[in-house]
N, C-alpha and C. Protein backbone atom coordinates (compact mmCIF):
# COMPACT_ATOMS: atom_id res chain seq x y z
N UNK A 1 96.31 78.06 91.46
CA UNK A 1 96.24 79.14 90.50
C UNK A 1 97.06 80.34 90.96
N UNK A 2 96.93 80.73 92.22
CA UNK A 2 97.62 81.91 92.72
C UNK A 2 99.13 81.78 92.58
N UNK A 3 99.65 80.58 92.72
CA UNK A 3 101.10 80.40 92.64
C UNK A 3 101.66 80.66 91.24
N UNK A 4 100.81 80.74 90.23
CA UNK A 4 101.26 81.00 88.86
C UNK A 4 101.06 82.46 88.44
N UNK A 5 100.32 83.22 89.22
CA UNK A 5 100.02 84.60 88.85
C UNK A 5 101.22 85.52 89.04
N UNK A 6 101.36 86.47 88.14
CA UNK A 6 102.42 87.47 88.19
C UNK A 6 101.78 88.85 88.31
N UNK A 7 102.60 89.83 88.62
CA UNK A 7 102.08 91.19 88.76
C UNK A 7 101.40 91.65 87.47
N UNK A 8 101.92 91.23 86.33
CA UNK A 8 101.34 91.64 85.05
C UNK A 8 99.93 91.08 84.85
N UNK A 9 99.63 89.95 85.50
CA UNK A 9 98.28 89.38 85.40
C UNK A 9 97.26 90.29 86.08
N UNK A 10 97.67 91.01 87.10
CA UNK A 10 96.78 91.95 87.79
C UNK A 10 96.82 93.33 87.17
N UNK A 11 97.99 93.75 86.69
CA UNK A 11 98.16 95.11 86.18
C UNK A 11 97.16 95.45 85.08
N UNK A 12 96.80 94.48 84.28
CA UNK A 12 95.86 94.77 83.19
C UNK A 12 94.44 95.06 83.69
N UNK A 13 94.20 94.82 84.99
CA UNK A 13 92.88 95.08 85.57
C UNK A 13 92.87 96.29 86.52
N UNK A 14 93.91 97.13 86.43
CA UNK A 14 93.95 98.34 87.26
C UNK A 14 92.69 99.17 87.05
N UNK A 15 92.19 99.72 88.14
CA UNK A 15 90.99 100.56 88.15
C UNK A 15 89.72 99.80 87.81
N UNK A 16 89.79 98.49 87.88
CA UNK A 16 88.59 97.67 87.67
C UNK A 16 88.13 97.08 89.00
N UNK A 17 86.92 96.55 89.00
CA UNK A 17 86.29 96.06 90.22
C UNK A 17 86.47 94.56 90.39
N UNK A 18 86.84 94.20 91.60
CA UNK A 18 86.85 92.81 92.05
C UNK A 18 85.76 92.69 93.11
N UNK A 19 85.07 91.57 93.15
CA UNK A 19 84.01 91.37 94.13
C UNK A 19 84.47 90.39 95.21
N UNK A 20 84.24 90.78 96.46
CA UNK A 20 84.50 89.90 97.59
C UNK A 20 83.18 89.24 97.93
N UNK A 21 83.15 87.93 97.88
CA UNK A 21 81.92 87.19 98.12
C UNK A 21 81.89 86.69 99.56
N UNK A 22 80.86 87.10 100.28
CA UNK A 22 80.68 86.72 101.68
C UNK A 22 79.33 86.03 101.84
N UNK A 23 79.26 85.11 102.77
CA UNK A 23 77.99 84.41 103.02
C UNK A 23 76.97 85.37 103.63
N UNK A 24 75.77 85.35 103.08
CA UNK A 24 74.65 86.05 103.67
C UNK A 24 74.53 87.53 103.36
N UNK A 25 75.48 88.12 102.64
CA UNK A 25 75.34 89.54 102.27
C UNK A 25 75.75 89.71 100.80
N UNK A 26 75.38 90.86 100.26
CA UNK A 26 75.75 91.16 98.88
C UNK A 26 77.27 91.27 98.77
N UNK A 27 77.82 90.94 97.59
CA UNK A 27 79.27 91.08 97.39
C UNK A 27 79.73 92.51 97.65
N UNK A 28 80.95 92.64 98.13
CA UNK A 28 81.56 93.95 98.36
C UNK A 28 82.53 94.20 97.22
N UNK A 29 82.41 95.38 96.61
CA UNK A 29 83.25 95.70 95.46
C UNK A 29 84.52 96.43 95.91
N UNK A 30 85.65 95.94 95.41
CA UNK A 30 86.94 96.55 95.67
C UNK A 30 87.55 96.97 94.34
N UNK A 31 88.07 98.18 94.28
CA UNK A 31 88.71 98.69 93.06
C UNK A 31 90.22 98.47 93.16
N UNK A 32 90.78 97.78 92.18
CA UNK A 32 92.22 97.56 92.13
C UNK A 32 92.89 98.87 91.75
N UNK A 33 93.73 99.41 92.65
CA UNK A 33 94.33 100.73 92.41
C UNK A 33 95.85 100.71 92.28
N UNK A 34 96.49 99.59 92.63
CA UNK A 34 97.95 99.56 92.57
C UNK A 34 98.45 98.13 92.47
N UNK A 35 99.46 97.93 91.61
CA UNK A 35 100.18 96.66 91.50
C UNK A 35 101.65 97.02 91.49
N UNK A 36 102.40 96.52 92.48
CA UNK A 36 103.80 96.91 92.64
C UNK A 36 104.67 95.70 92.93
N UNK A 37 105.71 95.49 92.13
CA UNK A 37 106.67 94.43 92.44
C UNK A 37 107.45 94.87 93.67
N UNK A 38 107.68 93.94 94.60
CA UNK A 38 108.25 94.31 95.90
C UNK A 38 109.63 93.71 96.16
N UNK A 39 110.21 93.03 95.20
CA UNK A 39 111.53 92.43 95.42
C UNK A 39 111.95 91.59 94.24
N UNK A 40 112.98 90.81 94.47
CA UNK A 40 113.52 89.94 93.43
C UNK A 40 112.96 88.53 93.56
N UNK A 41 112.97 87.81 92.45
CA UNK A 41 112.54 86.41 92.45
C UNK A 41 113.48 85.58 93.31
N UNK A 42 112.95 84.57 93.95
CA UNK A 42 113.76 83.72 94.83
C UNK A 42 114.78 82.89 94.06
N UNK A 43 114.43 82.55 92.83
CA UNK A 43 115.34 81.77 91.98
C UNK A 43 115.11 82.18 90.53
N UNK A 44 116.07 81.93 89.66
CA UNK A 44 115.91 82.32 88.25
C UNK A 44 114.64 81.70 87.64
N UNK A 45 113.90 82.54 86.93
CA UNK A 45 112.68 82.07 86.28
C UNK A 45 111.44 82.12 87.15
N UNK A 46 111.61 82.32 88.44
CA UNK A 46 110.46 82.40 89.35
C UNK A 46 109.87 83.81 89.28
N UNK A 47 108.64 83.95 89.71
CA UNK A 47 108.01 85.27 89.68
C UNK A 47 108.57 86.16 90.79
N UNK A 48 108.49 87.44 90.55
CA UNK A 48 108.88 88.42 91.57
C UNK A 48 107.70 88.61 92.51
N UNK A 49 107.96 88.76 93.82
CA UNK A 49 106.85 89.04 94.74
C UNK A 49 106.24 90.40 94.40
N UNK A 50 104.94 90.55 94.69
CA UNK A 50 104.28 91.81 94.39
C UNK A 50 103.17 92.10 95.38
N UNK A 51 102.81 93.36 95.40
CA UNK A 51 101.74 93.86 96.25
C UNK A 51 100.60 94.35 95.36
N UNK A 52 99.38 94.07 95.78
CA UNK A 52 98.22 94.65 95.09
C UNK A 52 97.40 95.39 96.13
N UNK A 53 96.94 96.57 95.75
CA UNK A 53 96.13 97.38 96.67
C UNK A 53 94.77 97.67 96.05
N UNK A 54 93.79 97.67 96.93
CA UNK A 54 92.40 97.92 96.55
C UNK A 54 91.84 99.04 97.40
N UNK A 55 90.85 99.74 96.86
CA UNK A 55 90.04 100.66 97.64
C UNK A 55 88.64 100.07 97.74
N UNK A 56 88.10 100.09 98.96
CA UNK A 56 86.76 99.59 99.19
C UNK A 56 85.72 100.65 98.87
N UNK A 57 84.47 100.32 99.10
CA UNK A 57 83.39 101.29 98.83
C UNK A 57 83.40 102.43 99.84
N UNK A 58 82.72 103.52 99.51
CA UNK A 58 82.52 104.62 100.46
C UNK A 58 81.52 104.11 101.49
N UNK A 59 82.02 103.72 102.64
CA UNK A 59 81.17 103.12 103.66
C UNK A 59 81.91 103.12 104.98
N UNK A 60 81.16 103.05 106.06
CA UNK A 60 81.79 102.94 107.38
C UNK A 60 82.15 101.49 107.69
N UNK A 61 81.65 100.56 106.88
CA UNK A 61 82.00 99.16 107.06
C UNK A 61 83.31 98.86 106.36
N UNK A 62 84.07 97.93 106.91
CA UNK A 62 85.29 97.52 106.25
C UNK A 62 85.56 96.05 106.53
N UNK A 63 86.41 95.47 105.72
CA UNK A 63 86.78 94.08 105.88
C UNK A 63 87.91 93.96 106.89
N UNK A 64 87.87 92.92 107.71
CA UNK A 64 88.96 92.66 108.64
C UNK A 64 90.03 91.86 107.92
N UNK A 65 91.20 91.77 108.50
CA UNK A 65 92.29 90.95 107.95
C UNK A 65 91.82 89.51 107.89
N UNK A 66 91.87 88.94 106.67
CA UNK A 66 91.28 87.61 106.49
C UNK A 66 91.57 87.12 105.06
N UNK A 67 91.35 85.85 104.81
CA UNK A 67 91.40 85.32 103.44
C UNK A 67 90.00 85.47 102.84
N UNK A 68 89.93 86.13 101.70
CA UNK A 68 88.66 86.39 101.03
C UNK A 68 88.65 85.79 99.63
N UNK A 69 87.47 85.41 99.20
CA UNK A 69 87.25 84.88 97.86
C UNK A 69 86.92 86.06 96.95
N UNK A 70 87.79 86.33 95.96
CA UNK A 70 87.58 87.44 95.04
C UNK A 70 87.22 86.92 93.66
N UNK A 71 86.34 87.67 93.02
CA UNK A 71 85.92 87.34 91.66
C UNK A 71 86.08 88.58 90.78
N UNK A 72 86.41 88.32 89.53
CA UNK A 72 86.52 89.36 88.50
C UNK A 72 85.95 88.75 87.24
N UNK A 73 85.25 89.54 86.45
CA UNK A 73 84.56 88.99 85.29
C UNK A 73 85.49 88.42 84.22
N UNK A 74 86.77 88.81 84.19
CA UNK A 74 87.69 88.30 83.18
C UNK A 74 88.78 87.40 83.75
N UNK A 75 88.85 87.30 85.06
CA UNK A 75 89.92 86.55 85.71
C UNK A 75 89.29 85.42 86.51
N UNK A 76 90.00 84.32 86.65
CA UNK A 76 89.50 83.25 87.49
C UNK A 76 89.37 83.73 88.93
N UNK A 77 88.41 83.18 89.66
CA UNK A 77 88.25 83.52 91.07
C UNK A 77 89.47 83.05 91.84
N UNK A 78 89.79 83.76 92.92
CA UNK A 78 90.94 83.38 93.72
C UNK A 78 90.72 83.79 95.17
N UNK A 79 91.46 83.14 96.05
CA UNK A 79 91.41 83.45 97.47
C UNK A 79 92.69 84.21 97.83
N UNK A 80 92.52 85.39 98.44
CA UNK A 80 93.65 86.24 98.81
C UNK A 80 93.56 86.63 100.27
N UNK A 81 94.71 86.69 100.93
CA UNK A 81 94.79 87.20 102.28
C UNK A 81 94.89 88.72 102.17
N UNK A 82 93.85 89.40 102.63
CA UNK A 82 93.75 90.85 102.49
C UNK A 82 93.86 91.51 103.86
N UNK A 83 94.62 92.60 103.91
CA UNK A 83 94.85 93.34 105.15
C UNK A 83 94.37 94.77 104.95
N UNK A 84 93.55 95.30 105.87
CA UNK A 84 93.18 96.71 105.77
C UNK A 84 94.37 97.59 106.17
N UNK A 85 94.66 98.61 105.37
CA UNK A 85 95.78 99.51 105.64
C UNK A 85 95.34 100.80 106.33
N UNK A 86 94.09 101.15 106.15
CA UNK A 86 93.57 102.39 106.71
C UNK A 86 92.84 103.18 105.64
N UNK A 87 92.16 104.25 106.05
CA UNK A 87 91.38 105.03 105.10
C UNK A 87 92.26 105.82 104.12
N UNK A 88 91.74 105.94 102.92
CA UNK A 88 92.41 106.71 101.87
C UNK A 88 91.32 107.24 100.96
N UNK A 89 91.30 108.53 100.74
CA UNK A 89 90.30 109.16 99.87
C UNK A 89 88.87 108.81 100.30
N UNK A 90 88.65 108.71 101.62
CA UNK A 90 87.31 108.41 102.12
C UNK A 90 86.89 106.96 101.97
N UNK A 91 87.83 106.11 101.60
CA UNK A 91 87.55 104.68 101.42
C UNK A 91 88.64 103.89 102.14
N UNK A 92 88.32 102.66 102.54
CA UNK A 92 89.33 101.81 103.18
C UNK A 92 90.26 101.25 102.11
N UNK A 93 91.56 101.32 102.38
CA UNK A 93 92.58 100.75 101.49
C UNK A 93 92.96 99.37 102.01
N UNK A 94 93.08 98.42 101.10
CA UNK A 94 93.44 97.03 101.45
C UNK A 94 94.66 96.61 100.63
N UNK A 95 95.43 95.67 101.18
CA UNK A 95 96.60 95.18 100.48
C UNK A 95 96.68 93.67 100.59
N UNK A 96 97.16 93.06 99.52
CA UNK A 96 97.50 91.64 99.50
C UNK A 96 98.92 91.54 98.95
N UNK A 97 99.75 90.72 99.59
CA UNK A 97 101.11 90.48 99.14
C UNK A 97 101.16 89.08 98.55
N UNK A 98 101.72 88.97 97.35
CA UNK A 98 101.84 87.66 96.70
C UNK A 98 103.33 87.36 96.57
N UNK A 99 103.78 86.32 97.27
CA UNK A 99 105.20 85.93 97.25
C UNK A 99 105.45 84.79 96.28
C-alpha cells in the first residue's frame, strides 16, 4: 500500500490525528502538520518522494526511531519508519520520508 501513496494522499489529512498503536499501552496520537515533496520522481510517471511531519502529544515521553503502525479513521493503516526530529512548540516533532 505504501508504495502507491503520494503526497496528495496525505495532504488532505493535514492537521488531523493519526494513532500509533503499541502493544500494552493506549495509542499515541500524532498530528499531521506538514507534507512536502522532496525531489523529482525516479522515472516518468513514478511518484515524487515526500516528507511527512507529525507533532506528538504534550508529554515528556516520545517515540524512538522505529517502524510504527499508524491508523487514521479515513485512511488504510500503514507502517512508517518515523524519526524524532526534536521538540517544537512544546511537542516532539517526527518525520517520515517516503521514496
